[in-house]
Amino acid sequence: MNSTTDPGEALPAMLSISAFELLYKRWNTILCRYAIYYLQDENSSQSIVNDLFLQIWANPRSINNIKSYLFRSVKNACLNLLTVQKRSPISYFETEELISLSDSATFSVPQVYSDKMDFLQKVISTLPPRRQLVFRMHRIEGFSYAEIAELLEISTRTVEDHLSKSMSYIHTECKHLIYEKLTEV
């Protein structure tokens, strides 16, 4: 396995340390970003990816398409974690502590800004699912066009098309916010 290895290539059952390091360096960052998309938590995402690589090292076996295997494994691990978290919500504070914290909290974000951000989030959520995914991956998560195209198995031109149509739709839906600001002055 070398740096020019095809990502869809099979992984042999036994890896040398250098081949394993190369595999880790090549896929670690993009798999973490992929996991962050699902979990919205960098530490949990890194943990899931590291666990996957530990599993590959500890239980060597032949894998036909390593790229597909890695992404599918990360996605499944993220969904499993989200399911577990949903079943057992974590509470770090007692109810009385939460009430006192919320009463004493001061918010620096103006309510008008917060309302506009809420509206923007609602507009984004009305996009078609695939377009919404592409928009969030690029604008919120920071994925490049090429990374999105590779992850979603679509062309870069399709990514551009989704982003263009998303921006046009969002601009149309939020136009009144721009005009509202102009009339306030």
N, C-alpha and C. Protein backbone atom coordinates (compact mmCIF):
# COMPACT_ATOMS: atom_id res chain seq x y z
N MET A 1 0.86 -1.18 0.00
CA MET A 1 0.00 0.00 0.00
C MET A 1 0.89 1.23 0.00
N ASN A 2 0.75 2.10 -1.00
CA ASN A 2 1.55 3.31 -1.06
C ASN A 2 0.65 4.52 -1.17
N SER A 3 1.23 5.72 -1.26
CA SER A 3 0.44 6.95 -1.26
C SER A 3 -0.40 7.11 -2.51
N THR A 4 -0.13 6.34 -3.55
CA THR A 4 -0.94 6.44 -4.76
C THR A 4 -2.00 5.35 -4.82
N THR A 5 -2.17 4.64 -3.73
CA THR A 5 -3.14 3.55 -3.69
C THR A 5 -4.54 4.06 -3.96
N ASP A 6 -5.26 3.33 -4.76
CA ASP A 6 -6.66 3.67 -5.06
C ASP A 6 -7.48 3.50 -3.80
N PRO A 7 -8.32 4.52 -3.42
CA PRO A 7 -9.09 4.42 -2.20
C PRO A 7 -10.10 3.28 -2.18
N GLY A 8 -10.50 2.78 -3.34
CA GLY A 8 -11.44 1.68 -3.40
C GLY A 8 -10.75 0.33 -3.36
N GLU A 9 -9.45 0.35 -3.19
CA GLU A 9 -8.64 -0.86 -3.21
C GLU A 9 -8.89 -1.73 -1.99
N ALA A 10 -8.63 -3.01 -2.14
CA ALA A 10 -8.80 -3.97 -1.04
C ALA A 10 -7.67 -3.79 -0.03
N LEU A 11 -7.99 -4.12 1.21
CA LEU A 11 -7.00 -4.06 2.28
C LEU A 11 -6.61 -5.48 2.62
N PRO A 12 -5.31 -5.79 2.62
CA PRO A 12 -4.90 -7.16 2.94
C PRO A 12 -5.18 -7.48 4.41
N ALA A 13 -5.26 -8.75 4.71
CA ALA A 13 -5.57 -9.19 6.07
C ALA A 13 -4.52 -8.73 7.07
N MET A 14 -3.26 -8.74 6.70
CA MET A 14 -2.20 -8.32 7.60
C MET A 14 -1.53 -7.07 7.04
N LEU A 15 -1.38 -6.06 7.89
CA LEU A 15 -0.73 -4.80 7.48
C LEU A 15 0.57 -4.63 8.23
N SER A 16 1.55 -4.09 7.56
CA SER A 16 2.77 -3.71 8.25
C SER A 16 2.48 -2.42 9.03
N ILE A 17 3.34 -2.09 9.94
CA ILE A 17 3.16 -0.87 10.72
C ILE A 17 3.17 0.35 9.81
N SER A 18 4.08 0.39 8.86
CA SER A 18 4.15 1.54 7.96
C SER A 18 2.90 1.65 7.08
N ALA A 19 2.37 0.52 6.62
CA ALA A 19 1.14 0.54 5.82
C ALA A 19 -0.04 1.00 6.67
N PHE A 20 -0.07 0.57 7.92
CA PHE A 20 -1.15 0.99 8.81
C PHE A 20 -1.05 2.49 9.09
N GLU A 21 0.15 2.99 9.34
CA GLU A 21 0.35 4.43 9.57
C GLU A 21 -0.09 5.23 8.35
N LEU A 22 0.23 4.76 7.18
CA LEU A 22 -0.17 5.43 5.95
C LEU A 22 -1.69 5.45 5.82
N LEU A 23 -2.32 4.32 6.11
CA LEU A 23 -3.79 4.24 6.07
C LEU A 23 -4.40 5.23 7.07
N TYR A 24 -3.86 5.29 8.27
CA TYR A 24 -4.36 6.20 9.30
C TYR A 24 -4.18 7.66 8.89
N LYS A 25 -3.00 8.02 8.43
CA LYS A 25 -2.75 9.41 8.03
C LYS A 25 -3.63 9.83 6.86
N ARG A 26 -3.87 8.91 5.95
CA ARG A 26 -4.65 9.23 4.76
C ARG A 26 -6.12 9.47 5.07
N TRP A 27 -6.70 8.70 6.01
CA TRP A 27 -8.15 8.74 6.22
C TRP A 27 -8.58 9.39 7.53
N ASN A 28 -7.71 9.57 8.48
CA ASN A 28 -8.10 10.07 9.80
C ASN A 28 -8.86 11.40 9.74
N THR A 29 -8.31 12.40 9.11
CA THR A 29 -8.90 13.74 9.09
C THR A 29 -10.27 13.75 8.43
N ILE A 30 -10.37 13.15 7.28
CA ILE A 30 -11.65 13.19 6.56
C ILE A 30 -12.72 12.35 7.28
N LEU A 31 -12.32 11.26 7.89
CA LEU A 31 -13.28 10.45 8.66
C LEU A 31 -13.76 11.21 9.90
N CYS A 32 -12.86 11.96 10.52
CA CYS A 32 -13.26 12.77 11.69
C CYS A 32 -14.27 13.83 11.27
N ARG A 33 -14.02 14.50 10.16
CA ARG A 33 -14.97 15.50 9.67
C ARG A 33 -16.32 14.86 9.35
N TYR A 34 -16.27 13.69 8.78
CA TYR A 34 -17.50 12.96 8.45
C TYR A 34 -18.26 12.63 9.73
N ALA A 35 -17.56 12.20 10.76
CA ALA A 35 -18.20 11.88 12.03
C ALA A 35 -18.75 13.14 12.71
N ILE A 36 -18.03 14.24 12.60
CA ILE A 36 -18.48 15.51 13.18
C ILE A 36 -19.80 15.93 12.56
N TYR A 37 -19.98 15.65 11.27
CA TYR A 37 -21.23 15.99 10.61
C TYR A 37 -22.41 15.33 11.34
N TYR A 38 -22.24 14.10 11.77
CA TYR A 38 -23.31 13.39 12.46
C TYR A 38 -23.42 13.76 13.94
N LEU A 39 -22.29 13.87 14.61
CA LEU A 39 -22.29 14.02 16.07
C LEU A 39 -22.23 15.46 16.56
N GLN A 40 -21.71 16.36 15.76
CA GLN A 40 -21.51 17.74 16.19
C GLN A 40 -20.61 17.82 17.42
N ASP A 41 -19.68 16.87 17.54
CA ASP A 41 -18.79 16.82 18.70
C ASP A 41 -17.44 16.29 18.24
N GLU A 42 -16.43 17.14 18.31
CA GLU A 42 -15.11 16.78 17.81
C GLU A 42 -14.48 15.64 18.60
N ASN A 43 -14.59 15.67 19.93
CA ASN A 43 -13.96 14.64 20.75
C ASN A 43 -14.58 13.27 20.50
N SER A 44 -15.90 13.20 20.47
CA SER A 44 -16.56 11.92 20.20
C SER A 44 -16.23 11.42 18.80
N SER A 45 -16.16 12.33 17.86
CA SER A 45 -15.84 11.95 16.48
C SER A 45 -14.44 11.36 16.40
N GLN A 46 -13.47 12.02 17.02
CA GLN A 46 -12.10 11.51 17.01
C GLN A 46 -12.03 10.15 17.69
N SER A 47 -12.77 9.99 18.77
CA SER A 47 -12.79 8.73 19.49
C SER A 47 -13.33 7.60 18.62
N ILE A 48 -14.40 7.87 17.89
CA ILE A 48 -14.99 6.85 17.02
C ILE A 48 -14.01 6.44 15.93
N VAL A 49 -13.35 7.41 15.33
CA VAL A 49 -12.40 7.11 14.26
C VAL A 49 -11.20 6.34 14.81
N ASN A 50 -10.69 6.75 15.95
CA ASN A 50 -9.57 6.03 16.55
C ASN A 50 -9.96 4.60 16.91
N ASP A 51 -11.17 4.43 17.44
CA ASP A 51 -11.64 3.08 17.77
C ASP A 51 -11.71 2.20 16.52
N LEU A 52 -12.14 2.78 15.42
CA LEU A 52 -12.21 2.03 14.17
C LEU A 52 -10.82 1.57 13.75
N PHE A 53 -9.83 2.46 13.81
CA PHE A 53 -8.48 2.08 13.41
C PHE A 53 -7.88 1.06 14.38
N LEU A 54 -8.20 1.18 15.66
CA LEU A 54 -7.75 0.17 16.63
C LEU A 54 -8.35 -1.19 16.31
N GLN A 55 -9.61 -1.19 15.92
CA GLN A 55 -10.29 -2.44 15.56
C GLN A 55 -9.63 -3.07 14.33
N ILE A 56 -9.30 -2.25 13.35
CA ILE A 56 -8.64 -2.76 12.14
C ILE A 56 -7.28 -3.36 12.50
N TRP A 57 -6.55 -2.70 13.40
CA TRP A 57 -5.22 -3.18 13.78
C TRP A 57 -5.33 -4.44 14.65
N ALA A 58 -6.26 -4.45 15.61
CA ALA A 58 -6.37 -5.56 16.54
C ALA A 58 -6.99 -6.81 15.92
N ASN A 59 -7.88 -6.62 14.95
CA ASN A 59 -8.56 -7.75 14.33
C ASN A 59 -8.31 -7.73 12.81
N PRO A 60 -7.11 -8.09 12.41
CA PRO A 60 -6.80 -8.00 10.98
C PRO A 60 -7.66 -8.96 10.16
N ARG A 61 -8.19 -8.42 9.06
CA ARG A 61 -8.95 -9.24 8.12
C ARG A 61 -8.93 -8.54 6.78
N SER A 62 -9.20 -9.28 5.77
CA SER A 62 -9.20 -8.74 4.42
C SER A 62 -10.47 -7.91 4.20
N ILE A 63 -10.32 -6.71 3.63
CA ILE A 63 -11.44 -5.81 3.34
C ILE A 63 -11.38 -5.49 1.85
N ASN A 64 -12.47 -5.75 1.14
CA ASN A 64 -12.48 -5.57 -0.31
C ASN A 64 -12.37 -4.11 -0.74
N ASN A 65 -13.15 -3.21 -0.15
CA ASN A 65 -13.14 -1.80 -0.53
C ASN A 65 -12.96 -0.98 0.74
N ILE A 66 -11.73 -0.57 1.01
CA ILE A 66 -11.41 0.08 2.28
C ILE A 66 -12.15 1.41 2.46
N LYS A 67 -12.27 2.20 1.40
CA LYS A 67 -12.95 3.49 1.50
C LYS A 67 -14.40 3.29 1.95
N SER A 68 -15.08 2.42 1.27
CA SER A 68 -16.47 2.14 1.59
C SER A 68 -16.60 1.60 3.02
N TYR A 69 -15.72 0.70 3.37
CA TYR A 69 -15.74 0.10 4.71
C TYR A 69 -15.55 1.16 5.80
N LEU A 70 -14.56 2.05 5.60
CA LEU A 70 -14.27 3.07 6.61
C LEU A 70 -15.46 4.02 6.80
N PHE A 71 -16.01 4.54 5.71
CA PHE A 71 -17.11 5.48 5.83
C PHE A 71 -18.36 4.82 6.40
N ARG A 72 -18.65 3.61 5.97
CA ARG A 72 -19.82 2.91 6.49
C ARG A 72 -19.65 2.62 7.99
N SER A 73 -18.45 2.23 8.39
CA SER A 73 -18.19 1.93 9.81
C SER A 73 -18.32 3.17 10.68
N VAL A 74 -17.79 4.30 10.20
CA VAL A 74 -17.88 5.55 10.96
C VAL A 74 -19.35 5.98 11.07
N LYS A 75 -20.07 5.92 9.97
CA LYS A 75 -21.48 6.31 9.99
C LYS A 75 -22.28 5.45 10.97
N ASN A 76 -22.08 4.14 10.91
CA ASN A 76 -22.81 3.23 11.80
C ASN A 76 -22.45 3.49 13.27
N ALA A 77 -21.18 3.73 13.54
CA ALA A 77 -20.75 4.00 14.92
C ALA A 77 -21.37 5.30 15.42
N CYS A 78 -21.44 6.31 14.56
CA CYS A 78 -22.05 7.60 14.94
C CYS A 78 -23.54 7.42 15.23
N LEU A 79 -24.22 6.71 14.35
CA LEU A 79 -25.66 6.49 14.55
C LEU A 79 -25.92 5.67 15.81
N ASN A 80 -25.06 4.69 16.08
CA ASN A 80 -25.21 3.90 17.31
C ASN A 80 -25.02 4.78 18.54
N LEU A 81 -24.01 5.64 18.51
CA LEU A 81 -23.76 6.54 19.64
C LEU A 81 -24.94 7.49 19.85
N LEU A 82 -25.46 8.04 18.77
CA LEU A 82 -26.62 8.94 18.88
C LEU A 82 -27.83 8.22 19.46
N THR A 83 -28.02 6.97 19.09
CA THR A 83 -29.13 6.18 19.63
C THR A 83 -28.96 5.97 21.13
N VAL A 84 -27.76 5.64 21.54
CA VAL A 84 -27.48 5.44 22.97
C VAL A 84 -27.68 6.74 23.74
N GLN A 85 -27.19 7.85 23.19
CA GLN A 85 -27.34 9.14 23.86
C GLN A 85 -28.80 9.55 23.96
N LYS A 86 -29.58 9.23 22.96
CA LYS A 86 -30.99 9.58 22.97
C LYS A 86 -31.74 8.80 24.06
N ARG A 87 -31.33 7.54 24.26
CA ARG A 87 -31.98 6.70 25.27
C ARG A 87 -31.65 7.13 26.69
N SER A 88 -30.44 7.60 26.91
CA SER A 88 -30.02 7.96 28.26
C SER A 88 -29.43 9.36 28.28
N PRO A 89 -30.30 10.38 28.36
CA PRO A 89 -29.78 11.75 28.40
C PRO A 89 -28.94 11.97 29.66
N ILE A 90 -27.90 12.75 29.51
CA ILE A 90 -26.98 13.02 30.61
C ILE A 90 -27.40 14.31 31.31
N SER A 91 -27.44 14.29 32.62
CA SER A 91 -27.76 15.48 33.38
C SER A 91 -26.64 15.70 34.38
N TYR A 92 -25.94 16.81 34.24
CA TYR A 92 -24.82 17.10 35.12
C TYR A 92 -25.23 17.94 36.33
N PHE A 93 -26.37 18.62 36.25
CA PHE A 93 -26.79 19.50 37.32
C PHE A 93 -28.12 19.04 37.89
N GLU A 94 -28.32 19.36 39.14
CA GLU A 94 -29.63 19.15 39.74
C GLU A 94 -30.58 20.22 39.22
N THR A 95 -31.88 19.97 39.30
CA THR A 95 -32.88 20.90 38.76
C THR A 95 -32.75 22.28 39.39
N GLU A 96 -32.53 22.34 40.70
CA GLU A 96 -32.39 23.64 41.38
C GLU A 96 -31.19 24.42 40.84
N GLU A 97 -30.10 23.69 40.59
CA GLU A 97 -28.91 24.34 40.05
C GLU A 97 -29.18 24.91 38.65
N LEU A 98 -29.89 24.16 37.84
CA LEU A 98 -30.21 24.62 36.50
C LEU A 98 -31.08 25.87 36.54
N ILE A 99 -32.06 25.89 37.45
CA ILE A 99 -32.94 27.05 37.56
C ILE A 99 -32.14 28.28 37.98
N SER A 100 -31.29 28.12 38.96
CA SER A 100 -30.51 29.28 39.41
C SER A 100 -29.52 29.74 38.34
N LEU A 101 -28.92 28.80 37.60
CA LEU A 101 -28.02 29.17 36.51
C LEU A 101 -28.77 29.92 35.41
N SER A 102 -29.94 29.44 35.06
CA SER A 102 -30.69 30.09 33.98
C SER A 102 -31.21 31.46 34.42
N ASP A 103 -31.54 31.62 35.69
CA ASP A 103 -32.01 32.91 36.18
C ASP A 103 -30.88 33.94 36.22
N SER A 104 -29.68 33.50 36.52
CA SER A 104 -28.57 34.43 36.65
C SER A 104 -27.80 34.63 35.34
N ALA A 105 -28.14 33.88 34.32
CA ALA A 105 -27.40 33.97 33.05
C ALA A 105 -27.68 35.28 32.35
N THR A 106 -26.63 35.82 31.78
CA THR A 106 -26.79 37.02 30.95
C THR A 106 -26.36 36.64 29.54
N PHE A 107 -27.17 37.00 28.60
CA PHE A 107 -26.90 36.63 27.22
C PHE A 107 -26.41 37.87 26.47
N SER A 108 -25.31 37.67 25.75
CA SER A 108 -24.74 38.79 25.00
C SER A 108 -25.29 38.88 23.59
N VAL A 109 -26.01 37.83 23.14
CA VAL A 109 -26.56 37.84 21.79
C VAL A 109 -27.88 38.60 21.81
N PRO A 110 -27.99 39.66 21.04
CA PRO A 110 -29.25 40.41 21.00
C PRO A 110 -30.39 39.53 20.50
N GLN A 111 -31.58 39.75 21.02
CA GLN A 111 -32.75 38.95 20.67
C GLN A 111 -33.05 39.03 19.17
N VAL A 112 -32.87 40.20 18.57
CA VAL A 112 -33.15 40.37 17.14
C VAL A 112 -32.25 39.44 16.33
N TYR A 113 -30.96 39.40 16.69
CA TYR A 113 -30.00 38.53 16.00
C TYR A 113 -30.41 37.08 16.18
N SER A 114 -30.78 36.71 17.39
CA SER A 114 -31.18 35.34 17.68
C SER A 114 -32.41 34.95 16.87
N ASP A 115 -33.38 35.84 16.76
CA ASP A 115 -34.58 35.56 15.98
C ASP A 115 -34.24 35.36 14.51
N LYS A 116 -33.33 36.17 14.01
CA LYS A 116 -32.94 36.05 12.60
C LYS A 116 -32.18 34.74 12.37
N MET A 117 -31.34 34.35 13.30
CA MET A 117 -30.62 33.08 13.16
C MET A 117 -31.59 31.90 13.22
N ASP A 118 -32.57 31.98 14.11
CA ASP A 118 -33.59 30.93 14.16
C ASP A 118 -34.34 30.84 12.84
N PHE A 119 -34.69 31.99 12.28
CA PHE A 119 -35.39 32.02 11.00
C PHE A 119 -34.52 31.40 9.90
N LEU A 120 -33.24 31.76 9.91
CA LEU A 120 -32.32 31.22 8.91
C LEU A 120 -32.21 29.70 9.04
N GLN A 121 -32.11 29.20 10.26
CA GLN A 121 -32.05 27.74 10.47
C GLN A 121 -33.31 27.06 9.95
N LYS A 122 -34.47 27.70 10.15
CA LYS A 122 -35.73 27.13 9.64
C LYS A 122 -35.73 27.11 8.12
N VAL A 123 -35.23 28.17 7.50
CA VAL A 123 -35.17 28.22 6.04
C VAL A 123 -34.26 27.11 5.52
N ILE A 124 -33.11 26.95 6.14
CA ILE A 124 -32.18 25.89 5.73
C ILE A 124 -32.83 24.52 5.87
N SER A 125 -33.60 24.33 6.94
CA SER A 125 -34.23 23.02 7.16
C SER A 125 -35.34 22.72 6.15
N THR A 126 -35.80 23.73 5.39
CA THR A 126 -36.83 23.48 4.37
C THR A 126 -36.22 23.09 3.02
N LEU A 127 -34.90 23.17 2.90
CA LEU A 127 -34.25 22.73 1.67
C LEU A 127 -34.47 21.23 1.49
N PRO A 128 -34.45 20.74 0.26
CA PRO A 128 -34.52 19.29 0.05
C PRO A 128 -33.37 18.61 0.79
N PRO A 129 -33.56 17.40 1.29
CA PRO A 129 -32.55 16.76 2.15
C PRO A 129 -31.14 16.72 1.58
N ARG A 130 -31.00 16.34 0.33
CA ARG A 130 -29.65 16.24 -0.26
C ARG A 130 -29.01 17.62 -0.37
N ARG A 131 -29.78 18.62 -0.78
CA ARG A 131 -29.28 19.99 -0.92
C ARG A 131 -28.92 20.54 0.45
N GLN A 132 -29.74 20.25 1.44
CA GLN A 132 -29.48 20.70 2.81
C GLN A 132 -28.17 20.08 3.33
N LEU A 133 -27.98 18.80 3.05
CA LEU A 133 -26.76 18.11 3.48
C LEU A 133 -25.53 18.75 2.85
N VAL A 134 -25.58 19.00 1.54
CA VAL A 134 -24.45 19.63 0.85
C VAL A 134 -24.20 21.03 1.41
N PHE A 135 -25.26 21.79 1.62
CA PHE A 135 -25.11 23.15 2.15
C PHE A 135 -24.46 23.13 3.53
N ARG A 136 -24.96 22.30 4.41
CA ARG A 136 -24.41 22.23 5.78
C ARG A 136 -22.96 21.74 5.78
N MET A 137 -22.66 20.75 4.93
CA MET A 137 -21.30 20.24 4.87
C MET A 137 -20.33 21.33 4.43
N HIS A 138 -20.73 22.14 3.44
CA HIS A 138 -19.82 23.17 2.93
C HIS A 138 -19.80 24.41 3.81
N ARG A 139 -20.97 24.99 4.08
CA ARG A 139 -21.03 26.28 4.77
C ARG A 139 -20.85 26.18 6.28
N ILE A 140 -21.26 25.09 6.88
CA ILE A 140 -21.20 24.98 8.33
C ILE A 140 -20.01 24.12 8.77
N GLU A 141 -19.82 22.98 8.11
CA GLU A 141 -18.75 22.07 8.51
C GLU A 141 -17.41 22.37 7.84
N GLY A 142 -17.42 23.13 6.75
CA GLY A 142 -16.17 23.52 6.12
C GLY A 142 -15.58 22.52 5.14
N PHE A 143 -16.36 21.55 4.69
CA PHE A 143 -15.86 20.60 3.70
C PHE A 143 -15.65 21.32 2.37
N SER A 144 -14.66 20.90 1.62
CA SER A 144 -14.43 21.45 0.28
C SER A 144 -15.38 20.77 -0.70
N TYR A 145 -15.51 21.36 -1.89
CA TYR A 145 -16.36 20.77 -2.92
C TYR A 145 -15.91 19.34 -3.22
N ALA A 146 -14.60 19.15 -3.34
CA ALA A 146 -14.06 17.83 -3.68
C ALA A 146 -14.36 16.81 -2.59
N GLU A 147 -14.22 17.21 -1.33
CA GLU A 147 -14.51 16.29 -0.23
C GLU A 147 -15.98 15.89 -0.21
N ILE A 148 -16.85 16.87 -0.42
CA ILE A 148 -18.29 16.58 -0.44
C ILE A 148 -18.60 15.64 -1.59
N ALA A 149 -18.04 15.93 -2.76
CA ALA A 149 -18.28 15.08 -3.93
C ALA A 149 -17.83 13.65 -3.66
N GLU A 150 -16.69 13.50 -3.02
CA GLU A 150 -16.17 12.17 -2.72
C GLU A 150 -17.04 11.45 -1.69
N LEU A 151 -17.40 12.15 -0.63
CA LEU A 151 -18.21 11.52 0.43
C LEU A 151 -19.59 11.12 -0.06
N LEU A 152 -20.21 11.96 -0.85
CA LEU A 152 -21.58 11.70 -1.31
C LEU A 152 -21.62 10.97 -2.65
N GLU A 153 -20.43 10.73 -3.20
CA GLU A 153 -20.31 10.03 -4.48
C GLU A 153 -21.11 10.72 -5.57
N ILE A 154 -20.89 12.04 -5.69
CA ILE A 154 -21.48 12.86 -6.74
C ILE A 154 -20.37 13.69 -7.37
N SER A 155 -20.65 14.33 -8.49
CA SER A 155 -19.61 15.13 -9.14
C SER A 155 -19.46 16.48 -8.43
N THR A 156 -18.31 17.10 -8.61
CA THR A 156 -18.07 18.43 -8.05
C THR A 156 -19.05 19.43 -8.62
N ARG A 157 -19.40 19.25 -9.88
CA ARG A 157 -20.37 20.14 -10.52
C ARG A 157 -21.74 20.03 -9.85
N THR A 158 -22.12 18.84 -9.44
CA THR A 158 -23.39 18.66 -8.73
C THR A 158 -23.34 19.36 -7.37
N VAL A 159 -22.20 19.31 -6.71
CA VAL A 159 -22.03 20.02 -5.44
C VAL A 159 -22.22 21.52 -5.67
N GLU A 160 -21.57 22.05 -6.70
CA GLU A 160 -21.71 23.47 -7.03
C GLU A 160 -23.16 23.83 -7.31
N ASP A 161 -23.85 22.97 -8.04
CA ASP A 161 -25.25 23.20 -8.38
C ASP A 161 -26.13 23.24 -7.12
N HIS A 162 -25.91 22.27 -6.23
CA HIS A 162 -26.67 22.25 -4.97
C HIS A 162 -26.43 23.52 -4.16
N LEU A 163 -25.17 23.95 -4.07
CA LEU A 163 -24.85 25.15 -3.30
C LEU A 163 -25.43 26.41 -3.93
N SER A 164 -25.36 26.49 -5.23
CA SER A 164 -25.91 27.65 -5.93
C SER A 164 -27.42 27.75 -5.71
N LYS A 165 -28.11 26.64 -5.88
CA LYS A 165 -29.56 26.64 -5.69
C LYS A 165 -29.93 26.89 -4.23
N SER A 166 -29.14 26.38 -3.31
CA SER A 166 -29.39 26.62 -1.88
C SER A 166 -29.27 28.10 -1.56
N MET A 167 -28.18 28.71 -2.03
CA MET A 167 -27.97 30.13 -1.75
C MET A 167 -29.06 30.99 -2.38
N SER A 168 -29.47 30.66 -3.57
CA SER A 168 -30.53 31.41 -4.24
C SER A 168 -31.83 31.31 -3.44
N TYR A 169 -32.17 30.11 -3.00
CA TYR A 169 -33.39 29.89 -2.22
C TYR A 169 -33.32 30.64 -0.89
N ILE A 170 -32.20 30.52 -0.19
CA ILE A 170 -32.05 31.18 1.12
C ILE A 170 -32.12 32.70 0.94
N HIS A 171 -31.47 33.21 -0.08
CA HIS A 171 -31.51 34.65 -0.33
C HIS A 171 -32.95 35.12 -0.57
N THR A 172 -33.68 34.38 -1.37
CA THR A 172 -35.08 34.73 -1.66
C THR A 172 -35.92 34.71 -0.40
N GLU A 173 -35.75 33.68 0.42
CA GLU A 173 -36.55 33.53 1.64
C GLU A 173 -36.17 34.56 2.71
N CYS A 174 -34.94 35.02 2.70
CA CYS A 174 -34.46 35.95 3.74
C CYS A 174 -34.42 37.40 3.27
N LYS A 175 -34.87 37.66 2.07
CA LYS A 175 -34.80 39.00 1.50
C LYS A 175 -35.48 40.03 2.40
N HIS A 176 -36.58 39.66 3.02
CA HIS A 176 -37.30 40.61 3.87
C HIS A 176 -36.45 41.07 5.06
N LEU A 177 -35.52 40.23 5.52
CA LEU A 177 -34.65 40.62 6.63
C LEU A 177 -33.71 41.75 6.21
N ILE A 178 -33.26 41.73 4.97
CA ILE A 178 -32.39 42.77 4.45
C ILE A 178 -33.15 44.07 4.36
N TYR A 179 -34.35 44.03 3.78
CA TYR A 179 -35.16 45.22 3.61
C TYR A 179 -35.63 45.78 4.96
N GLU A 180 -35.88 44.89 5.90
CA GLU A 180 -36.30 45.31 7.25
C GLU A 180 -35.20 46.16 7.89
N LYS A 181 -33.95 45.73 7.73
CA LYS A 181 -32.82 46.47 8.29
C LYS A 181 -32.68 47.84 7.63
N LEU A 182 -32.91 47.90 6.32
CA LEU A 182 -32.79 49.16 5.60
C LEU A 182 -33.87 50.16 6.02
N THR A 183 -35.07 49.70 6.30
CA THR A 183 -36.16 50.60 6.68
C THR A 183 -36.06 51.05 8.14
N GLU A 184 -35.30 50.30 8.95
CA GLU A 184 -35.12 50.68 10.36
C GLU A 184 -34.24 51.92 10.48
N VAL A 185 -33.36 52.15 9.55
CA VAL A 185 -32.38 53.24 9.61
C VAL A 185 -32.98 54.55 9.34
